[in-house]
N, C-alpha and C. Protein backbone atom coordinates (compact mmCIF):
# COMPACT_ATOMS: atom_id res chain seq x y z
N MET A 1 -4.25 -38.70 -24.66
CA MET A 1 -4.38 -37.93 -23.42
C MET A 1 -4.43 -36.44 -23.77
N ARG A 2 -5.39 -35.74 -23.18
CA ARG A 2 -5.54 -34.32 -23.45
C ARG A 2 -4.40 -33.56 -22.77
N ILE A 3 -3.83 -32.61 -23.50
CA ILE A 3 -2.73 -31.83 -22.97
C ILE A 3 -3.24 -30.89 -21.89
N GLN A 4 -2.46 -30.72 -20.85
CA GLN A 4 -2.88 -29.88 -19.73
C GLN A 4 -2.47 -28.42 -19.95
N LYS A 5 -3.22 -27.53 -19.33
CA LYS A 5 -2.97 -26.10 -19.47
C LYS A 5 -1.56 -25.73 -19.04
N GLU A 6 -1.09 -26.32 -17.93
CA GLU A 6 0.25 -26.02 -17.42
C GLU A 6 1.32 -26.44 -18.43
N GLN A 7 1.08 -27.53 -19.14
CA GLN A 7 2.04 -27.98 -20.15
C GLN A 7 2.15 -26.97 -21.29
N VAL A 8 1.03 -26.40 -21.65
CA VAL A 8 1.02 -25.40 -22.72
C VAL A 8 1.82 -24.18 -22.31
N VAL A 9 1.61 -23.70 -21.09
CA VAL A 9 2.33 -22.51 -20.60
C VAL A 9 3.82 -22.78 -20.54
N GLN A 10 4.20 -23.95 -20.03
CA GLN A 10 5.62 -24.29 -19.95
C GLN A 10 6.25 -24.36 -21.34
N ALA A 11 5.54 -24.97 -22.28
CA ALA A 11 6.05 -25.06 -23.65
C ALA A 11 6.15 -23.69 -24.30
N ALA A 12 5.20 -22.83 -23.97
CA ALA A 12 5.22 -21.47 -24.53
C ALA A 12 6.45 -20.70 -24.05
N TRP A 13 6.78 -20.84 -22.77
CA TRP A 13 7.98 -20.16 -22.27
C TRP A 13 9.25 -20.76 -22.87
N THR A 14 9.27 -22.05 -23.06
CA THR A 14 10.42 -22.68 -23.70
C THR A 14 10.61 -22.13 -25.10
N LEU A 15 9.51 -21.94 -25.82
CA LEU A 15 9.58 -21.41 -27.18
C LEU A 15 10.04 -19.96 -27.17
N VAL A 16 9.54 -19.17 -26.22
CA VAL A 16 9.97 -17.77 -26.11
C VAL A 16 11.45 -17.69 -25.80
N ASP A 17 11.94 -18.58 -24.93
CA ASP A 17 13.37 -18.60 -24.63
C ASP A 17 14.20 -18.86 -25.88
N GLU A 18 13.63 -19.61 -26.82
CA GLU A 18 14.37 -19.97 -28.03
C GLU A 18 14.27 -18.91 -29.12
N VAL A 19 13.08 -18.35 -29.31
CA VAL A 19 12.86 -17.48 -30.47
C VAL A 19 12.37 -16.08 -30.10
N GLY A 20 12.14 -15.81 -28.84
CA GLY A 20 11.63 -14.51 -28.45
C GLY A 20 10.12 -14.44 -28.56
N VAL A 21 9.54 -13.41 -27.95
CA VAL A 21 8.08 -13.32 -27.92
C VAL A 21 7.51 -13.11 -29.32
N GLU A 22 8.29 -12.46 -30.21
CA GLU A 22 7.78 -12.26 -31.57
C GLU A 22 7.61 -13.58 -32.31
N GLY A 23 8.42 -14.57 -31.93
CA GLY A 23 8.35 -15.86 -32.61
C GLY A 23 7.29 -16.79 -32.04
N LEU A 24 6.63 -16.36 -30.99
CA LEU A 24 5.59 -17.19 -30.39
C LEU A 24 4.27 -16.98 -31.12
N THR A 25 3.78 -18.02 -31.77
CA THR A 25 2.46 -18.00 -32.39
C THR A 25 1.73 -19.26 -31.95
N MET A 26 0.44 -19.24 -32.09
CA MET A 26 -0.34 -20.42 -31.71
C MET A 26 0.06 -21.61 -32.59
N ARG A 27 0.39 -21.33 -33.85
CA ARG A 27 0.79 -22.42 -34.74
C ARG A 27 2.13 -23.00 -34.34
N SER A 28 3.12 -22.11 -34.07
CA SER A 28 4.44 -22.60 -33.69
C SER A 28 4.39 -23.33 -32.35
N LEU A 29 3.54 -22.89 -31.46
CA LEU A 29 3.39 -23.56 -30.17
C LEU A 29 2.75 -24.94 -30.35
N ALA A 30 1.75 -25.03 -31.21
CA ALA A 30 1.12 -26.32 -31.47
C ALA A 30 2.13 -27.29 -32.07
N GLN A 31 2.97 -26.79 -32.96
CA GLN A 31 4.00 -27.64 -33.56
C GLN A 31 4.99 -28.12 -32.50
N ALA A 32 5.37 -27.23 -31.58
CA ALA A 32 6.30 -27.60 -30.52
C ALA A 32 5.71 -28.67 -29.61
N LEU A 33 4.41 -28.63 -29.43
CA LEU A 33 3.73 -29.59 -28.58
C LEU A 33 3.28 -30.83 -29.35
N ALA A 34 3.48 -30.82 -30.66
CA ALA A 34 3.07 -31.93 -31.53
C ALA A 34 1.57 -32.20 -31.42
N ILE A 35 0.80 -31.10 -31.45
CA ILE A 35 -0.66 -31.22 -31.42
C ILE A 35 -1.24 -30.32 -32.51
N GLN A 36 -2.52 -30.43 -32.73
CA GLN A 36 -3.20 -29.57 -33.67
C GLN A 36 -3.57 -28.25 -33.00
N ALA A 37 -3.50 -27.17 -33.75
CA ALA A 37 -3.78 -25.85 -33.19
C ALA A 37 -5.12 -25.77 -32.47
N PRO A 38 -6.20 -26.38 -32.98
CA PRO A 38 -7.48 -26.29 -32.26
C PRO A 38 -7.41 -26.79 -30.82
N SER A 39 -6.48 -27.69 -30.54
CA SER A 39 -6.34 -28.18 -29.18
C SER A 39 -5.91 -27.07 -28.23
N LEU A 40 -5.13 -26.12 -28.74
CA LEU A 40 -4.70 -25.00 -27.91
C LEU A 40 -5.86 -24.10 -27.55
N TYR A 41 -6.74 -23.91 -28.51
CA TYR A 41 -7.86 -23.01 -28.28
C TYR A 41 -8.86 -23.57 -27.28
N TRP A 42 -8.73 -24.84 -26.95
CA TRP A 42 -9.56 -25.40 -25.88
C TRP A 42 -9.21 -24.73 -24.55
N HIS A 43 -7.92 -24.42 -24.37
CA HIS A 43 -7.45 -23.78 -23.15
C HIS A 43 -7.37 -22.27 -23.27
N PHE A 44 -6.97 -21.78 -24.47
CA PHE A 44 -6.74 -20.35 -24.65
C PHE A 44 -7.43 -19.89 -25.93
N PRO A 45 -8.47 -19.08 -25.80
CA PRO A 45 -9.21 -18.65 -26.98
C PRO A 45 -8.44 -17.71 -27.91
N SER A 46 -7.32 -17.17 -27.42
CA SER A 46 -6.52 -16.26 -28.23
C SER A 46 -5.08 -16.25 -27.72
N LYS A 47 -4.20 -15.68 -28.52
CA LYS A 47 -2.81 -15.56 -28.09
C LYS A 47 -2.72 -14.66 -26.87
N GLN A 48 -3.54 -13.61 -26.81
CA GLN A 48 -3.50 -12.71 -25.66
C GLN A 48 -3.88 -13.44 -24.38
N ALA A 49 -4.84 -14.34 -24.46
CA ALA A 49 -5.21 -15.12 -23.29
C ALA A 49 -4.04 -15.99 -22.83
N LEU A 50 -3.31 -16.53 -23.79
CA LEU A 50 -2.12 -17.31 -23.47
C LEU A 50 -1.07 -16.43 -22.80
N LEU A 51 -0.81 -15.25 -23.35
CA LEU A 51 0.18 -14.34 -22.78
C LEU A 51 -0.22 -13.91 -21.37
N ASP A 52 -1.51 -13.69 -21.14
CA ASP A 52 -1.97 -13.33 -19.80
C ASP A 52 -1.64 -14.43 -18.80
N THR A 53 -1.86 -15.66 -19.18
CA THR A 53 -1.58 -16.78 -18.29
C THR A 53 -0.08 -16.96 -18.10
N MET A 54 0.69 -16.77 -19.15
CA MET A 54 2.15 -16.84 -19.04
C MET A 54 2.66 -15.76 -18.08
N ALA A 55 2.11 -14.56 -18.19
CA ALA A 55 2.52 -13.46 -17.31
C ALA A 55 2.18 -13.79 -15.86
N ASP A 56 0.99 -14.31 -15.65
CA ASP A 56 0.59 -14.65 -14.28
C ASP A 56 1.50 -15.72 -13.69
N ALA A 57 1.92 -16.67 -14.50
CA ALA A 57 2.77 -17.75 -14.02
C ALA A 57 4.12 -17.23 -13.54
N LEU A 58 4.56 -16.09 -14.05
CA LEU A 58 5.83 -15.52 -13.61
C LEU A 58 5.81 -15.18 -12.13
N LEU A 59 4.63 -14.92 -11.59
CA LEU A 59 4.50 -14.49 -10.19
C LEU A 59 4.19 -15.65 -9.25
N ASP A 60 4.24 -16.87 -9.75
CA ASP A 60 3.88 -18.02 -8.92
C ASP A 60 4.66 -18.07 -7.61
N ASP A 61 5.93 -17.68 -7.65
CA ASP A 61 6.78 -17.80 -6.46
C ASP A 61 7.08 -16.47 -5.79
N VAL A 62 6.47 -15.39 -6.27
CA VAL A 62 6.74 -14.07 -5.71
C VAL A 62 5.81 -13.81 -4.53
N GLY A 63 6.39 -13.45 -3.42
CA GLY A 63 5.59 -13.08 -2.25
C GLY A 63 4.94 -14.23 -1.52
N LEU A 64 5.46 -15.43 -1.71
CA LEU A 64 4.86 -16.57 -1.02
C LEU A 64 5.23 -16.58 0.47
N GLU A 65 6.42 -16.09 0.78
CA GLU A 65 6.86 -16.03 2.18
C GLU A 65 6.90 -14.57 2.62
N ARG A 66 6.27 -14.30 3.77
CA ARG A 66 6.21 -12.94 4.28
C ARG A 66 6.67 -12.93 5.73
N PRO A 67 7.98 -12.88 5.94
CA PRO A 67 8.49 -12.88 7.32
C PRO A 67 7.90 -11.73 8.12
N PRO A 68 7.46 -11.98 9.34
CA PRO A 68 6.86 -10.93 10.16
C PRO A 68 7.90 -9.96 10.70
N GLY A 69 7.43 -8.80 11.08
CA GLY A 69 8.28 -7.84 11.76
C GLY A 69 9.24 -7.07 10.89
N ARG A 70 9.10 -7.12 9.60
CA ARG A 70 10.02 -6.41 8.73
C ARG A 70 9.54 -4.98 8.50
N SER A 71 10.47 -4.07 8.28
CA SER A 71 10.11 -2.68 8.00
C SER A 71 9.47 -2.58 6.63
N TRP A 72 8.74 -1.51 6.42
CA TRP A 72 8.09 -1.33 5.12
C TRP A 72 9.13 -1.18 4.02
N GLU A 73 10.28 -0.54 4.33
CA GLU A 73 11.33 -0.42 3.32
C GLU A 73 11.87 -1.78 2.91
N ALA A 74 12.07 -2.67 3.89
CA ALA A 74 12.59 -4.01 3.60
C ALA A 74 11.61 -4.80 2.74
N VAL A 75 10.32 -4.62 2.99
CA VAL A 75 9.32 -5.33 2.19
C VAL A 75 9.35 -4.86 0.74
N VAL A 76 9.39 -3.56 0.54
CA VAL A 76 9.40 -3.02 -0.83
C VAL A 76 10.65 -3.49 -1.58
N LYS A 77 11.81 -3.45 -0.91
CA LYS A 77 13.04 -3.92 -1.54
C LYS A 77 12.96 -5.40 -1.88
N ASP A 78 12.39 -6.18 -0.97
CA ASP A 78 12.28 -7.62 -1.18
C ASP A 78 11.39 -7.92 -2.38
N VAL A 79 10.23 -7.29 -2.43
CA VAL A 79 9.31 -7.52 -3.54
C VAL A 79 9.94 -7.07 -4.86
N ALA A 80 10.59 -5.93 -4.85
CA ALA A 80 11.24 -5.44 -6.08
C ALA A 80 12.27 -6.45 -6.57
N GLY A 81 13.06 -6.99 -5.65
CA GLY A 81 14.07 -7.98 -6.04
C GLY A 81 13.45 -9.26 -6.57
N GLN A 82 12.38 -9.71 -5.93
CA GLN A 82 11.71 -10.93 -6.39
C GLN A 82 11.09 -10.73 -7.77
N LEU A 83 10.50 -9.57 -7.99
CA LEU A 83 9.92 -9.28 -9.31
C LEU A 83 11.01 -9.26 -10.38
N ARG A 84 12.12 -8.63 -10.06
CA ARG A 84 13.21 -8.57 -11.04
C ARG A 84 13.69 -9.97 -11.40
N ARG A 85 13.86 -10.82 -10.41
CA ARG A 85 14.31 -12.19 -10.69
C ARG A 85 13.28 -12.94 -11.52
N ALA A 86 12.01 -12.71 -11.24
CA ALA A 86 10.95 -13.37 -12.02
C ALA A 86 10.98 -12.92 -13.47
N PHE A 87 11.17 -11.62 -13.69
CA PHE A 87 11.17 -11.08 -15.05
C PHE A 87 12.45 -11.42 -15.81
N LEU A 88 13.50 -11.79 -15.09
CA LEU A 88 14.73 -12.21 -15.74
C LEU A 88 14.80 -13.72 -15.93
N SER A 89 13.78 -14.43 -15.46
CA SER A 89 13.82 -15.89 -15.50
C SER A 89 13.62 -16.44 -16.90
N HIS A 90 13.07 -15.65 -17.80
CA HIS A 90 12.87 -16.06 -19.19
C HIS A 90 13.18 -14.91 -20.12
N ARG A 91 13.57 -15.23 -21.31
CA ARG A 91 13.76 -14.23 -22.35
C ARG A 91 12.45 -13.49 -22.59
N ASP A 92 12.51 -12.17 -22.65
CA ASP A 92 11.34 -11.32 -22.95
C ASP A 92 10.23 -11.43 -21.91
N ALA A 93 10.53 -11.95 -20.71
CA ALA A 93 9.47 -12.12 -19.71
C ALA A 93 8.86 -10.78 -19.31
N ALA A 94 9.70 -9.77 -19.11
CA ALA A 94 9.17 -8.46 -18.72
C ALA A 94 8.30 -7.88 -19.83
N ARG A 95 8.68 -8.10 -21.08
CA ARG A 95 7.89 -7.61 -22.20
C ARG A 95 6.54 -8.31 -22.26
N VAL A 96 6.54 -9.60 -21.98
CA VAL A 96 5.27 -10.34 -21.94
C VAL A 96 4.38 -9.78 -20.84
N PHE A 97 4.94 -9.60 -19.66
CA PHE A 97 4.14 -9.13 -18.53
C PHE A 97 3.63 -7.71 -18.77
N ALA A 98 4.48 -6.87 -19.36
CA ALA A 98 4.09 -5.48 -19.59
C ALA A 98 2.92 -5.35 -20.54
N GLY A 99 2.68 -6.34 -21.36
CA GLY A 99 1.58 -6.28 -22.31
C GLY A 99 0.29 -6.89 -21.82
N THR A 100 0.22 -7.13 -20.50
CA THR A 100 -0.97 -7.79 -19.96
C THR A 100 -1.57 -6.99 -18.81
N VAL A 101 -2.83 -7.25 -18.54
CA VAL A 101 -3.50 -6.74 -17.34
C VAL A 101 -4.20 -7.93 -16.71
N VAL A 102 -3.59 -8.48 -15.67
CA VAL A 102 -4.07 -9.73 -15.09
C VAL A 102 -4.58 -9.50 -13.68
N ALA A 103 -5.80 -9.91 -13.42
CA ALA A 103 -6.36 -9.90 -12.07
C ALA A 103 -6.42 -11.35 -11.60
N SER A 104 -5.54 -11.72 -10.69
CA SER A 104 -5.44 -13.11 -10.28
C SER A 104 -4.99 -13.19 -8.83
N GLU A 105 -4.97 -14.40 -8.31
CA GLU A 105 -4.46 -14.63 -6.97
C GLU A 105 -3.01 -14.15 -6.86
N ASN A 106 -2.21 -14.43 -7.86
CA ASN A 106 -0.81 -14.03 -7.84
C ASN A 106 -0.63 -12.52 -7.80
N THR A 107 -1.29 -11.82 -8.72
CA THR A 107 -1.12 -10.37 -8.79
C THR A 107 -1.67 -9.69 -7.54
N PHE A 108 -2.79 -10.19 -7.03
CA PHE A 108 -3.37 -9.61 -5.82
C PHE A 108 -2.49 -9.87 -4.61
N ARG A 109 -1.89 -11.06 -4.53
CA ARG A 109 -1.02 -11.39 -3.39
C ARG A 109 0.17 -10.44 -3.34
N VAL A 110 0.81 -10.25 -4.47
CA VAL A 110 1.98 -9.38 -4.52
C VAL A 110 1.58 -7.93 -4.23
N SER A 111 0.51 -7.48 -4.86
CA SER A 111 0.05 -6.11 -4.65
C SER A 111 -0.34 -5.87 -3.20
N GLU A 112 -1.01 -6.83 -2.61
CA GLU A 112 -1.44 -6.69 -1.21
C GLU A 112 -0.26 -6.54 -0.28
N TRP A 113 0.79 -7.30 -0.53
CA TRP A 113 1.98 -7.25 0.32
C TRP A 113 2.62 -5.86 0.26
N VAL A 114 2.76 -5.32 -0.95
CA VAL A 114 3.38 -4.01 -1.09
C VAL A 114 2.48 -2.92 -0.51
N MET A 115 1.19 -2.97 -0.85
CA MET A 115 0.29 -1.91 -0.38
C MET A 115 0.12 -1.93 1.13
N GLU A 116 0.16 -3.11 1.72
CA GLU A 116 0.11 -3.20 3.18
C GLU A 116 1.33 -2.52 3.79
N ALA A 117 2.50 -2.76 3.21
CA ALA A 117 3.72 -2.13 3.72
C ALA A 117 3.66 -0.62 3.58
N LEU A 118 3.17 -0.15 2.43
CA LEU A 118 3.10 1.28 2.21
C LEU A 118 2.04 1.94 3.09
N ALA A 119 0.98 1.20 3.41
CA ALA A 119 -0.02 1.71 4.35
C ALA A 119 0.61 1.86 5.74
N GLN A 120 1.44 0.90 6.10
CA GLN A 120 2.14 1.00 7.38
C GLN A 120 3.09 2.18 7.41
N ALA A 121 3.58 2.56 6.22
CA ALA A 121 4.45 3.73 6.13
C ALA A 121 3.67 5.03 6.27
N GLY A 122 2.35 4.95 6.19
CA GLY A 122 1.51 6.12 6.36
C GLY A 122 0.85 6.63 5.12
N LEU A 123 1.03 5.94 3.98
CA LEU A 123 0.41 6.39 2.73
C LEU A 123 -1.08 6.08 2.73
N SER A 124 -1.83 6.91 2.04
CA SER A 124 -3.25 6.65 1.83
C SER A 124 -3.41 5.47 0.89
N SER A 125 -4.62 4.94 0.81
CA SER A 125 -4.87 3.81 -0.08
C SER A 125 -4.56 4.16 -1.52
N LYS A 126 -4.93 5.37 -1.93
CA LYS A 126 -4.66 5.80 -3.30
C LYS A 126 -3.16 5.91 -3.56
N ASP A 127 -2.45 6.57 -2.64
CA ASP A 127 -1.01 6.72 -2.82
C ASP A 127 -0.29 5.38 -2.78
N ALA A 128 -0.75 4.48 -1.91
CA ALA A 128 -0.14 3.15 -1.81
C ALA A 128 -0.35 2.37 -3.10
N ALA A 129 -1.54 2.49 -3.68
CA ALA A 129 -1.84 1.79 -4.93
C ALA A 129 -0.99 2.34 -6.07
N TRP A 130 -0.92 3.66 -6.17
CA TRP A 130 -0.14 4.28 -7.24
C TRP A 130 1.35 4.00 -7.06
N ALA A 131 1.82 4.00 -5.83
CA ALA A 131 3.23 3.70 -5.58
C ALA A 131 3.55 2.25 -5.94
N THR A 132 2.60 1.36 -5.70
CA THR A 132 2.80 -0.05 -6.06
C THR A 132 2.94 -0.20 -7.56
N PHE A 133 2.07 0.48 -8.31
CA PHE A 133 2.18 0.42 -9.76
C PHE A 133 3.46 1.09 -10.25
N THR A 134 3.89 2.15 -9.58
CA THR A 134 5.14 2.80 -9.95
C THR A 134 6.31 1.85 -9.76
N LEU A 135 6.30 1.11 -8.66
CA LEU A 135 7.35 0.12 -8.41
C LEU A 135 7.35 -0.95 -9.50
N LEU A 136 6.18 -1.46 -9.83
CA LEU A 136 6.08 -2.48 -10.87
C LEU A 136 6.58 -1.94 -12.21
N ASP A 137 6.16 -0.73 -12.55
CA ASP A 137 6.59 -0.13 -13.81
C ASP A 137 8.11 0.04 -13.85
N TYR A 138 8.69 0.42 -12.72
CA TYR A 138 10.15 0.58 -12.67
C TYR A 138 10.84 -0.76 -12.90
N VAL A 139 10.39 -1.80 -12.21
CA VAL A 139 11.03 -3.11 -12.36
C VAL A 139 10.87 -3.62 -13.78
N LEU A 140 9.69 -3.45 -14.35
CA LEU A 140 9.47 -3.89 -15.73
C LEU A 140 10.41 -3.16 -16.69
N GLY A 141 10.42 -1.85 -16.61
CA GLY A 141 11.27 -1.08 -17.51
C GLY A 141 12.74 -1.39 -17.33
N PHE A 142 13.15 -1.55 -16.08
CA PHE A 142 14.56 -1.83 -15.80
C PHE A 142 14.96 -3.18 -16.39
N THR A 143 14.15 -4.21 -16.17
CA THR A 143 14.52 -5.54 -16.65
C THR A 143 14.45 -5.64 -18.17
N ILE A 144 13.54 -4.92 -18.79
CA ILE A 144 13.51 -4.89 -20.26
C ILE A 144 14.82 -4.30 -20.78
N GLU A 145 15.26 -3.19 -20.18
CA GLU A 145 16.52 -2.59 -20.59
C GLU A 145 17.70 -3.49 -20.26
N GLU A 146 17.65 -4.14 -19.10
CA GLU A 146 18.74 -5.02 -18.69
C GLU A 146 18.93 -6.16 -19.68
N GLN A 147 17.83 -6.77 -20.10
CA GLN A 147 17.93 -7.88 -21.04
C GLN A 147 18.33 -7.39 -22.43
N SER A 148 17.83 -6.26 -22.84
CA SER A 148 18.17 -5.77 -24.18
C SER A 148 19.63 -5.32 -24.22
N PHE A 149 20.16 -4.82 -23.10
CA PHE A 149 21.56 -4.40 -23.05
C PHE A 149 22.48 -5.58 -23.31
N GLY A 150 22.15 -6.71 -22.71
CA GLY A 150 22.98 -7.89 -22.89
C GLY A 150 22.81 -8.52 -24.26
N ALA A 151 21.71 -8.22 -24.94
CA ALA A 151 21.43 -8.84 -26.23
C ALA A 151 21.92 -8.03 -27.42
N ARG A 152 22.44 -6.84 -27.16
CA ARG A 152 22.89 -5.99 -28.27
C ARG A 152 24.07 -6.62 -29.00
N ASP A 153 24.05 -6.49 -30.30
CA ASP A 153 25.16 -7.01 -31.10
C ASP A 153 26.43 -6.22 -30.81
N ALA A 154 27.53 -6.90 -30.80
CA ALA A 154 28.82 -6.23 -30.62
C ALA A 154 29.08 -5.33 -31.81
N GLN A 155 29.43 -4.11 -31.53
CA GLN A 155 29.68 -3.15 -32.61
C GLN A 155 31.02 -2.48 -32.37
N GLU A 156 31.61 -2.02 -33.46
CA GLU A 156 32.87 -1.28 -33.39
C GLU A 156 32.62 0.10 -33.97
N PRO A 157 33.10 1.15 -33.32
CA PRO A 157 33.80 1.13 -32.04
C PRO A 157 32.85 0.83 -30.88
N PRO A 158 33.38 0.63 -29.66
CA PRO A 158 32.54 0.31 -28.51
C PRO A 158 31.48 1.36 -28.25
N LEU A 159 30.40 0.94 -27.59
CA LEU A 159 29.27 1.82 -27.34
C LEU A 159 29.68 3.09 -26.61
N ALA A 160 30.50 2.97 -25.57
CA ALA A 160 30.90 4.15 -24.81
C ALA A 160 31.64 5.15 -25.70
N GLU A 161 32.48 4.64 -26.57
CA GLU A 161 33.23 5.53 -27.46
C GLU A 161 32.31 6.24 -28.43
N ARG A 162 31.35 5.52 -28.97
CA ARG A 162 30.41 6.12 -29.92
C ARG A 162 29.53 7.15 -29.23
N MET A 163 29.10 6.85 -28.00
CA MET A 163 28.27 7.80 -27.25
C MET A 163 29.06 9.06 -26.94
N ARG A 164 30.31 8.89 -26.54
CA ARG A 164 31.12 10.05 -26.19
C ARG A 164 31.37 10.93 -27.41
N ALA A 165 31.60 10.32 -28.54
CA ALA A 165 31.84 11.08 -29.76
C ALA A 165 30.61 11.88 -30.16
N LEU A 166 29.43 11.31 -29.96
CA LEU A 166 28.19 12.00 -30.32
C LEU A 166 27.87 13.10 -29.32
N ALA A 167 28.13 12.84 -28.03
CA ALA A 167 27.74 13.78 -26.99
C ALA A 167 28.65 14.99 -26.90
N THR A 168 29.91 14.83 -27.26
CA THR A 168 30.87 15.93 -27.13
C THR A 168 30.90 16.75 -28.41
N PRO A 169 30.84 18.11 -28.36
CA PRO A 169 30.75 18.92 -27.14
C PRO A 169 29.35 19.43 -26.86
N ARG A 170 28.36 19.02 -27.65
CA ARG A 170 27.02 19.62 -27.53
C ARG A 170 26.29 19.17 -26.28
N PHE A 171 26.60 17.99 -25.77
CA PHE A 171 25.89 17.46 -24.60
C PHE A 171 26.90 17.11 -23.51
N PRO A 172 27.47 18.11 -22.87
CA PRO A 172 28.58 17.88 -21.94
C PRO A 172 28.21 17.01 -20.74
N HIS A 173 27.00 17.15 -20.23
CA HIS A 173 26.61 16.34 -19.08
C HIS A 173 26.53 14.87 -19.46
N VAL A 174 26.01 14.61 -20.64
CA VAL A 174 25.96 13.23 -21.12
C VAL A 174 27.36 12.70 -21.33
N ALA A 175 28.22 13.52 -21.91
CA ALA A 175 29.59 13.09 -22.18
C ALA A 175 30.31 12.70 -20.89
N ARG A 176 30.11 13.49 -19.83
CA ARG A 176 30.79 13.20 -18.56
C ARG A 176 30.22 11.95 -17.89
N ALA A 177 29.01 11.56 -18.26
CA ALA A 177 28.36 10.43 -17.60
C ALA A 177 28.34 9.16 -18.44
N VAL A 178 29.08 9.14 -19.55
CA VAL A 178 29.03 8.00 -20.46
C VAL A 178 29.34 6.69 -19.74
N GLU A 179 30.40 6.66 -18.94
CA GLU A 179 30.77 5.42 -18.27
C GLU A 179 29.67 4.94 -17.34
N ALA A 180 29.00 5.87 -16.69
CA ALA A 180 27.88 5.49 -15.81
C ALA A 180 26.71 4.97 -16.62
N LEU A 181 26.48 5.57 -17.79
CA LEU A 181 25.35 5.17 -18.62
C LEU A 181 25.49 3.76 -19.17
N VAL A 182 26.72 3.33 -19.39
CA VAL A 182 26.94 1.99 -19.94
C VAL A 182 27.45 1.01 -18.89
N ASP A 183 27.42 1.41 -17.63
CA ASP A 183 27.90 0.56 -16.54
C ASP A 183 27.08 -0.74 -16.50
N PRO A 184 27.72 -1.90 -16.60
CA PRO A 184 26.99 -3.17 -16.62
C PRO A 184 26.64 -3.71 -15.23
N ASP A 185 26.92 -2.95 -14.17
CA ASP A 185 26.58 -3.40 -12.82
C ASP A 185 25.10 -3.16 -12.57
N PHE A 186 24.28 -4.04 -13.10
CA PHE A 186 22.83 -3.84 -13.01
C PHE A 186 22.30 -4.04 -11.60
N ASP A 187 22.97 -4.81 -10.79
CA ASP A 187 22.52 -4.96 -9.41
C ASP A 187 22.59 -3.62 -8.68
N ALA A 188 23.72 -2.93 -8.83
CA ALA A 188 23.88 -1.63 -8.18
C ALA A 188 22.93 -0.60 -8.77
N ARG A 189 22.76 -0.62 -10.07
CA ARG A 189 21.86 0.33 -10.71
C ARG A 189 20.42 0.10 -10.28
N PHE A 190 20.03 -1.16 -10.16
CA PHE A 190 18.68 -1.48 -9.73
C PHE A 190 18.45 -1.01 -8.30
N ALA A 191 19.39 -1.31 -7.42
CA ALA A 191 19.27 -0.89 -6.02
C ALA A 191 19.18 0.62 -5.90
N PHE A 192 19.93 1.34 -6.74
CA PHE A 192 19.88 2.80 -6.74
C PHE A 192 18.47 3.29 -7.08
N GLY A 193 17.88 2.70 -8.11
CA GLY A 193 16.54 3.12 -8.51
C GLY A 193 15.50 2.82 -7.45
N VAL A 194 15.59 1.66 -6.83
CA VAL A 194 14.64 1.32 -5.76
C VAL A 194 14.78 2.30 -4.60
N GLU A 195 16.01 2.66 -4.27
CA GLU A 195 16.22 3.62 -3.19
C GLU A 195 15.62 4.98 -3.52
N LEU A 196 15.69 5.39 -4.77
CA LEU A 196 15.05 6.64 -5.18
C LEU A 196 13.54 6.56 -4.96
N LEU A 197 12.95 5.41 -5.29
CA LEU A 197 11.51 5.24 -5.08
C LEU A 197 11.18 5.29 -3.59
N LEU A 198 12.01 4.66 -2.78
CA LEU A 198 11.79 4.68 -1.33
C LEU A 198 11.89 6.11 -0.79
N ALA A 199 12.85 6.87 -1.31
CA ALA A 199 12.99 8.26 -0.88
C ALA A 199 11.73 9.05 -1.23
N GLY A 200 11.15 8.76 -2.39
CA GLY A 200 9.91 9.42 -2.77
C GLY A 200 8.77 9.07 -1.84
N VAL A 201 8.70 7.81 -1.44
CA VAL A 201 7.66 7.39 -0.49
C VAL A 201 7.86 8.10 0.85
N ARG A 202 9.10 8.17 1.31
CA ARG A 202 9.36 8.84 2.60
C ARG A 202 8.93 10.30 2.54
N ALA A 203 9.19 10.95 1.42
CA ALA A 203 8.81 12.35 1.28
C ALA A 203 7.30 12.51 1.22
N ARG A 204 6.61 11.46 0.77
CA ARG A 204 5.17 11.52 0.61
C ARG A 204 4.43 11.24 1.91
N ARG A 205 5.13 10.62 2.85
CA ARG A 205 4.48 10.23 4.10
C ARG A 205 4.01 11.48 4.87
N PRO A 206 2.87 11.38 5.53
CA PRO A 206 2.43 12.51 6.37
C PRO A 206 3.39 12.72 7.53
N ALA A 207 3.45 13.93 8.04
CA ALA A 207 4.42 14.27 9.06
C ALA A 207 4.28 13.38 10.30
N ARG A 208 3.08 12.99 10.63
CA ARG A 208 2.87 12.18 11.84
C ARG A 208 3.46 10.79 11.70
N ALA A 209 3.70 10.32 10.46
CA ALA A 209 4.21 8.98 10.25
C ALA A 209 5.73 8.96 10.12
N ARG A 210 6.37 10.10 10.15
CA ARG A 210 7.82 10.16 9.93
C ARG A 210 8.58 9.99 11.26
């Protein structure tokens, strides 16, 4: 029986969860599937094509439900949260997505939802498009940092202590903010960043839309 494309993508994510994106090769994936490498190339002519499809699959469940009557701010927050959960669903998922440029039903659906909300806020098509990409870039960068923070090897002395020793006295503002910089409350930190983006959108809105 010929292996299906969806099986390959699922196996690829399983492998990434085990060894990270650096450990994903067409050969290692073929071995995991117990098939010959040429069978993979029937579906994916290159590793990049595979990564593109893996990235697209992350958005399968994002933006499927669009409750009516919600404010544009609520929509942006909702999409940001759904994207974050999608990028945290697998090891290195945000890194995989960040290395792709995918035009698909999934990416268009999510983008349309955000841009529609931003248009309702009064932004031009250009500003809505750029703001949508800014939101995506923020979520990607945040989740990459969030996952890498949890994956750091334990070191002695603790990170906060080492940062404070380096920052004092030449970098007093950094020294005073060390605890905030290493704060593991990523939910609160993420919400803070999204709110900053929303504040920027509000400031960008034309006066008639405020």
